[in-house]
N, C-alpha and C. Protein backbone atom coordinates (compact mmCIF):
# COMPACT_ATOMS: atom_id res chain seq x y z
N MET A 1 -77.73 209.94 35.66
CA MET A 1 -78.57 208.73 35.47
C MET A 1 -78.28 207.69 34.24
N LEU A 2 -78.14 206.76 34.37
CA LEU A 2 -78.20 205.70 32.91
C LEU A 2 -79.24 204.89 33.12
N LEU A 3 -80.01 205.15 31.97
CA LEU A 3 -81.00 204.22 32.07
C LEU A 3 -80.87 203.07 31.14
N GLU A 4 -81.45 201.97 31.58
CA GLU A 4 -81.26 200.78 30.55
C GLU A 4 -82.57 200.12 30.27
N TYR A 5 -82.38 199.61 29.09
CA TYR A 5 -83.98 198.86 28.41
C TYR A 5 -83.57 197.77 29.31
N PRO A 6 -85.26 197.13 29.46
CA PRO A 6 -85.43 195.61 29.90
C PRO A 6 -84.40 194.72 29.12
N PRO A 7 -84.48 193.54 29.67
CA PRO A 7 -83.84 192.58 28.96
C PRO A 7 -84.94 191.88 28.07
N LYS A 8 -84.59 191.73 26.75
CA LYS A 8 -85.40 191.13 25.96
C LYS A 8 -86.01 189.59 26.47
N LEU A 9 -87.35 189.60 26.91
CA LEU A 9 -87.99 188.56 27.26
C LEU A 9 -87.89 187.39 26.02
N VAL A 10 -87.63 186.35 26.23
CA VAL A 10 -87.67 184.93 25.41
C VAL A 10 -88.25 184.08 26.21
N GLY A 11 -89.69 183.44 25.56
CA GLY A 11 -90.17 182.67 25.83
C GLY A 11 -89.96 181.13 25.59
N GLU A 12 -89.10 181.39 24.26
CA GLU A 12 -88.60 179.86 23.54
C GLU A 12 -87.52 180.26 22.68
N LYS A 13 -87.06 178.82 22.51
CA LYS A 13 -86.18 179.12 21.19
C LYS A 13 -87.01 178.13 19.99
N ARG A 14 -86.61 178.77 18.88
CA ARG A 14 -86.91 178.11 17.44
C ARG A 14 -86.38 177.85 15.96
N LEU A 15 -86.55 176.69 15.70
CA LEU A 15 -85.53 176.17 14.82
C LEU A 15 -86.57 176.14 13.52
N THR A 16 -86.68 176.70 12.32
CA THR A 16 -87.18 176.34 10.95
C THR A 16 -86.43 175.52 10.02
N PHE A 17 -87.34 174.59 9.52
CA PHE A 17 -87.07 173.81 8.35
C PHE A 17 -88.08 173.96 6.85
N HIS A 18 -87.44 174.21 6.21
CA HIS A 18 -88.31 174.44 4.72
C HIS A 18 -88.12 173.24 3.51
N ASP A 19 -89.08 172.77 2.89
CA ASP A 19 -88.83 171.99 1.89
C ASP A 19 -89.11 170.42 2.66
N LEU A 20 -89.54 170.11 3.78
CA LEU A 20 -89.66 168.72 4.24
C LEU A 20 -90.76 167.71 3.93
N ASP A 21 -90.67 166.88 3.51
CA ASP A 21 -91.92 165.94 2.88
C ASP A 21 -92.22 165.55 4.38
N TRP A 22 -93.79 165.07 4.35
CA TRP A 22 -94.56 164.54 5.92
C TRP A 22 -93.59 163.28 5.99
N GLN A 23 -92.76 162.27 5.39
CA GLN A 23 -91.84 161.07 5.88
C GLN A 23 -90.92 161.82 6.78
N ALA A 24 -89.91 162.67 6.07
CA ALA A 24 -88.79 163.30 6.80
C ALA A 24 -89.24 164.15 8.16
N PHE A 25 -90.37 164.71 8.33
CA PHE A 25 -91.19 165.33 9.50
C PHE A 25 -91.26 164.59 10.60
N LYS A 26 -91.91 163.25 10.14
CA LYS A 26 -92.28 162.27 11.15
C LYS A 26 -91.01 161.63 11.67
N GLN A 27 -90.08 161.24 10.78
CA GLN A 27 -88.66 161.25 11.21
C GLN A 27 -87.89 161.97 12.17
N ILE A 28 -87.70 163.07 12.23
CA ILE A 28 -87.21 163.70 12.83
C ILE A 28 -88.06 164.07 14.11
N GLN A 29 -89.47 164.23 14.22
CA GLN A 29 -90.08 163.91 15.04
C GLN A 29 -89.88 162.99 16.40
N HIS A 30 -90.04 161.58 15.37
CA HIS A 30 -89.71 160.26 16.16
C HIS A 30 -88.25 160.70 16.94
N LEU A 31 -87.74 161.16 16.32
CA LEU A 31 -86.07 160.91 16.77
C LEU A 31 -85.95 162.02 18.07
N LEU A 32 -86.38 163.26 17.71
CA LEU A 32 -86.23 164.03 18.76
C LEU A 32 -87.10 164.26 19.79
N THR A 33 -88.39 163.53 19.72
CA THR A 33 -89.55 163.44 20.68
C THR A 33 -88.63 162.20 22.42
N GLU A 34 -87.93 161.57 21.69
CA GLU A 34 -87.42 160.67 22.61
C GLU A 34 -86.22 161.26 23.61
N ARG A 35 -85.66 162.37 22.98
CA ARG A 35 -84.42 163.13 23.56
C ARG A 35 -84.64 164.57 24.02
N THR A 36 -85.73 164.88 23.74
CA THR A 36 -85.91 166.13 23.86
C THR A 36 -87.36 166.59 24.60
N ARG A 37 -87.48 167.87 24.79
CA ARG A 37 -89.01 168.23 24.92
C ARG A 37 -89.67 169.23 23.93
N ALA A 38 -89.01 168.81 22.82
CA ALA A 38 -89.33 170.04 21.74
C ALA A 38 -90.96 169.80 21.25
N ARG A 39 -91.43 170.70 21.17
CA ARG A 39 -92.52 170.69 20.15
C ARG A 39 -92.52 170.94 18.82
N PHE A 40 -93.44 170.50 17.70
CA PHE A 40 -93.49 170.70 16.63
C PHE A 40 -94.52 170.92 16.09
N THR A 41 -94.44 171.77 14.86
CA THR A 41 -95.46 172.41 14.10
C THR A 41 -95.03 172.15 12.78
N TYR A 42 -95.69 171.52 11.71
CA TYR A 42 -95.75 171.10 10.43
C TYR A 42 -97.20 171.65 9.65
N ASP A 43 -96.07 172.30 8.62
CA ASP A 43 -97.66 173.13 7.89
C ASP A 43 -96.86 172.83 6.50
N ASN A 44 -97.67 171.99 5.23
CA ASN A 44 -97.13 172.09 3.83
C ASN A 44 -95.63 172.38 3.86
N GLY A 45 -94.77 171.09 4.23
CA GLY A 45 -93.35 171.27 4.13
C GLY A 45 -92.46 172.42 4.97
N VAL A 46 -93.25 172.88 5.84
CA VAL A 46 -92.18 173.73 6.89
C VAL A 46 -92.39 173.15 8.08
N LEU A 47 -91.26 173.05 8.65
CA LEU A 47 -91.31 172.33 10.18
C LEU A 47 -90.92 173.24 10.77
N GLU A 48 -91.29 173.59 12.07
CA GLU A 48 -91.09 174.45 13.34
C GLU A 48 -90.66 173.56 14.59
N ILE A 49 -89.86 173.51 14.89
CA ILE A 49 -89.42 172.95 16.12
C ILE A 49 -89.38 174.02 17.40
N THR A 50 -89.89 174.10 18.33
CA THR A 50 -90.07 175.22 19.44
C THR A 50 -89.49 174.25 20.74
N MET A 51 -88.73 174.98 21.65
CA MET A 51 -88.30 174.69 22.79
C MET A 51 -88.36 175.43 23.71
N PRO A 52 -89.73 175.39 24.60
CA PRO A 52 -90.26 176.02 25.57
C PRO A 52 -89.20 176.41 26.72
N LEU A 53 -89.13 177.59 26.81
CA LEU A 53 -88.29 178.09 28.10
C LEU A 53 -89.17 178.31 29.30
N GLU A 54 -88.62 178.68 30.68
CA GLU A 54 -89.11 178.88 31.82
C GLU A 54 -90.46 179.90 31.70
N GLY A 55 -90.22 180.72 31.01
CA GLY A 55 -91.09 181.99 30.85
C GLY A 55 -92.22 181.59 30.14
N HIS A 56 -91.99 180.61 28.94
CA HIS A 56 -93.06 180.11 28.40
C HIS A 56 -94.04 179.31 28.97
N GLU A 57 -93.58 178.24 29.68
CA GLU A 57 -94.18 177.40 30.91
C GLU A 57 -95.06 177.84 31.88
N ARG A 58 -94.43 179.25 32.36
CA ARG A 58 -95.08 179.71 33.27
C ARG A 58 -96.21 180.35 32.63
N SER A 59 -96.18 181.25 31.54
CA SER A 59 -97.12 181.85 30.72
C SER A 59 -98.39 180.84 30.70
N ALA A 60 -97.80 179.77 30.13
CA ALA A 60 -98.88 178.80 29.78
C ALA A 60 -100.12 178.09 30.83
N ARG A 61 -99.15 178.19 31.77
CA ARG A 61 -100.11 177.54 33.21
C ARG A 61 -100.88 178.77 33.91
N LEU A 62 -100.43 179.54 33.50
CA LEU A 62 -101.30 180.91 34.02
C LEU A 62 -102.57 181.04 33.00
N ILE A 63 -102.09 180.89 31.83
CA ILE A 63 -103.40 181.26 30.78
C ILE A 63 -104.41 180.00 31.46
N GLU A 64 -103.75 178.74 31.40
CA GLU A 64 -104.44 177.35 31.88
C GLU A 64 -105.39 177.59 32.99
N ARG A 65 -104.68 178.20 33.95
CA ARG A 65 -105.70 178.45 35.53
C ARG A 65 -106.95 179.78 35.02
N PHE A 66 -106.63 180.77 34.06
CA PHE A 66 -107.70 181.81 33.69
C PHE A 66 -108.68 180.99 33.19
N ILE A 67 -108.48 180.42 32.18
CA ILE A 67 -109.49 179.71 31.22
C ILE A 67 -110.46 178.38 32.16
N LEU A 68 -109.60 177.72 33.00
CA LEU A 68 -110.23 177.08 33.92
C LEU A 68 -111.25 177.52 34.85
N ILE A 69 -110.63 178.86 35.65
CA ILE A 69 -111.44 179.42 36.18
C ILE A 69 -112.60 180.24 35.47
N LEU A 70 -112.67 180.85 34.50
CA LEU A 70 -113.35 181.50 33.97
C LEU A 70 -114.84 180.42 33.40
N VAL A 71 -114.23 179.09 32.70
CA VAL A 71 -115.16 178.37 32.34
C VAL A 71 -116.23 177.54 33.50
N MET A 72 -115.18 177.36 34.56
CA MET A 72 -116.20 176.90 35.80
C MET A 72 -117.03 178.48 36.54
N GLU A 73 -116.56 179.44 36.58
CA GLU A 73 -117.41 180.68 37.09
C GLU A 73 -118.94 180.81 36.04
N MET A 74 -118.35 180.41 34.94
CA MET A 74 -119.73 180.30 33.79
C MET A 74 -120.72 179.16 33.94
N GLY A 75 -120.44 178.52 34.42
CA GLY A 75 -121.20 177.34 34.72
C GLY A 75 -120.97 175.87 33.23
N MET A 76 -120.10 176.28 32.73
CA MET A 76 -119.83 175.49 31.62
C MET A 76 -119.07 174.17 31.88
N LYS A 77 -119.01 173.00 30.83
CA LYS A 77 -118.44 171.84 31.20
C LYS A 77 -117.37 172.33 29.91
N PHE A 78 -115.90 171.41 30.72
CA PHE A 78 -115.26 171.23 29.36
C PHE A 78 -114.42 169.88 29.53
N LYS A 79 -113.36 169.81 28.46
CA LYS A 79 -112.80 168.53 28.59
C LYS A 79 -111.39 169.25 28.41
N THR A 80 -110.35 169.06 28.93
CA THR A 80 -108.98 169.30 28.65
C THR A 80 -108.25 168.11 27.47
N MET A 81 -107.80 168.73 27.14
CA MET A 81 -106.99 167.44 25.82
C MET A 81 -105.39 167.82 25.98
N GLY A 82 -104.90 168.70 27.31
CA GLY A 82 -103.28 168.43 27.54
C GLY A 82 -102.76 169.28 26.28
N SER A 83 -101.52 168.58 26.16
CA SER A 83 -100.56 168.82 24.86
C SER A 83 -100.74 167.84 23.94
N THR A 84 -101.96 167.15 23.49
CA THR A 84 -102.20 166.36 22.61
C THR A 84 -101.43 166.67 21.42
N THR A 85 -101.18 166.09 20.49
CA THR A 85 -100.58 165.89 18.71
C THR A 85 -101.76 165.76 18.04
N LEU A 86 -101.72 166.91 17.69
CA LEU A 86 -103.01 166.92 16.43
C LEU A 86 -102.19 166.89 14.72
N ASP A 87 -102.46 165.23 14.56
CA ASP A 87 -101.71 165.32 13.36
C ASP A 87 -103.02 165.11 12.03
N ARG A 88 -102.74 165.67 10.71
CA ARG A 88 -103.55 165.53 9.95
C ARG A 88 -102.82 165.33 8.48
N LYS A 89 -102.41 164.15 8.12
CA LYS A 89 -101.24 163.83 6.99
C LYS A 89 -102.25 164.17 5.60
N ASP A 90 -103.27 163.84 5.50
CA ASP A 90 -103.81 164.59 4.32
C ASP A 90 -104.03 166.05 4.09
N LEU A 91 -103.75 166.78 5.32
CA LEU A 91 -103.74 168.09 4.83
C LEU A 91 -102.00 168.55 4.94
N LEU A 92 -101.54 167.69 5.14
CA LEU A 92 -100.00 167.83 5.36
C LEU A 92 -99.72 169.25 6.69
N LYS A 93 -100.40 168.80 8.03
CA LYS A 93 -100.37 169.59 9.00
C LYS A 93 -100.44 169.11 10.26
N SER A 94 -99.39 169.42 11.44
CA SER A 94 -99.51 168.68 12.65
C SER A 94 -99.00 169.91 13.64
N ALA A 95 -99.49 169.92 14.53
CA ALA A 95 -99.22 170.58 15.72
C ALA A 95 -99.11 170.08 17.36
N GLU A 96 -98.52 170.78 17.88
CA GLU A 96 -98.48 170.29 19.35
C GLU A 96 -98.71 171.27 20.39
N PRO A 97 -100.10 171.98 20.60
CA PRO A 97 -100.28 172.93 21.35
C PRO A 97 -99.81 172.61 22.99
N ASP A 98 -100.01 174.00 23.62
CA ASP A 98 -99.61 173.65 25.18
C ASP A 98 -100.62 173.06 25.70
N ASN A 99 -102.00 173.37 25.46
CA ASN A 99 -102.91 172.86 26.17
C ASN A 99 -103.74 172.82 25.17
N GLY A 100 -105.05 172.00 25.35
CA GLY A 100 -105.84 171.90 24.24
C GLY A 100 -107.31 171.99 24.87
N TYR A 101 -108.79 172.72 24.69
CA TYR A 101 -109.77 172.52 25.57
C TYR A 101 -111.12 172.09 24.38
N TYR A 102 -111.83 171.43 24.89
CA TYR A 102 -112.97 171.28 23.89
C TYR A 102 -113.98 172.03 25.11
N ILE A 103 -114.77 173.16 24.48
CA ILE A 103 -115.51 174.00 25.77
C ILE A 103 -116.84 174.16 24.94
N GLN A 104 -117.16 174.83 23.81
CA GLN A 104 -118.02 174.78 22.87
C GLN A 104 -118.86 173.27 22.55
N ASN A 105 -117.64 172.65 22.13
CA ASN A 105 -117.88 171.45 21.68
C ASN A 105 -118.24 170.05 22.45
N TYR A 106 -117.91 170.55 23.80
CA TYR A 106 -117.81 169.63 25.03
C TYR A 106 -118.61 168.44 24.66
N ILE A 107 -120.08 168.41 24.79
CA ILE A 107 -120.87 167.60 24.25
C ILE A 107 -120.77 166.86 23.10
N LEU A 108 -119.99 167.52 22.17
CA LEU A 108 -120.30 166.65 21.05
C LEU A 108 -119.00 165.62 20.90
N VAL A 109 -118.12 166.10 21.94
CA VAL A 109 -116.93 165.14 22.16
C VAL A 109 -116.86 164.08 23.01
N VAL A 110 -118.00 164.36 24.19
CA VAL A 110 -118.01 163.51 25.16
C VAL A 110 -119.14 162.58 24.50
N HIS A 111 -119.88 162.65 23.70
CA HIS A 111 -121.03 162.00 23.19
C HIS A 111 -120.48 160.91 21.84
N GLN A 112 -119.18 161.53 21.57
CA GLN A 112 -118.72 160.76 20.32
C GLN A 112 -117.81 159.53 21.41
N ARG A 113 -117.14 159.91 22.30
CA ARG A 113 -116.23 158.91 23.16
C ARG A 113 -117.11 158.00 23.69
N ASN A 114 -118.45 158.18 24.06
CA ASN A 114 -119.41 157.44 24.96
C ASN A 114 -119.76 156.42 23.83
N SER A 115 -119.92 156.70 22.74
CA SER A 115 -120.78 155.69 21.65
C SER A 115 -119.51 155.12 20.87
N ALA A 116 -118.40 155.03 21.35
CA ALA A 116 -117.13 154.41 20.57
C ALA A 116 -117.01 153.16 21.27
């Protein structure tokens, strides 16, 4: 009997670039955002470009459902941010999570939005 290892699961493809300044990062992000579904993470000169594949997206939706059910069952309120881009030029950091949620700080976010 021949046993084969299961195929290695791959949830995304990644490219990493080093020694990029903020302006170069933003130019690359702008060009590729128009043409692809890539997600970008930038941290002090290191740019990681991620291309999520089907397995990644399926897992992200499953985690999202788990969070929503858990929060509702606990009687809590939440605000979802979707895949919002989080940029902090002053810290040389940027990220694009699959989904973002305000649960613990829900009240702060809602009050901040209503007072603006």
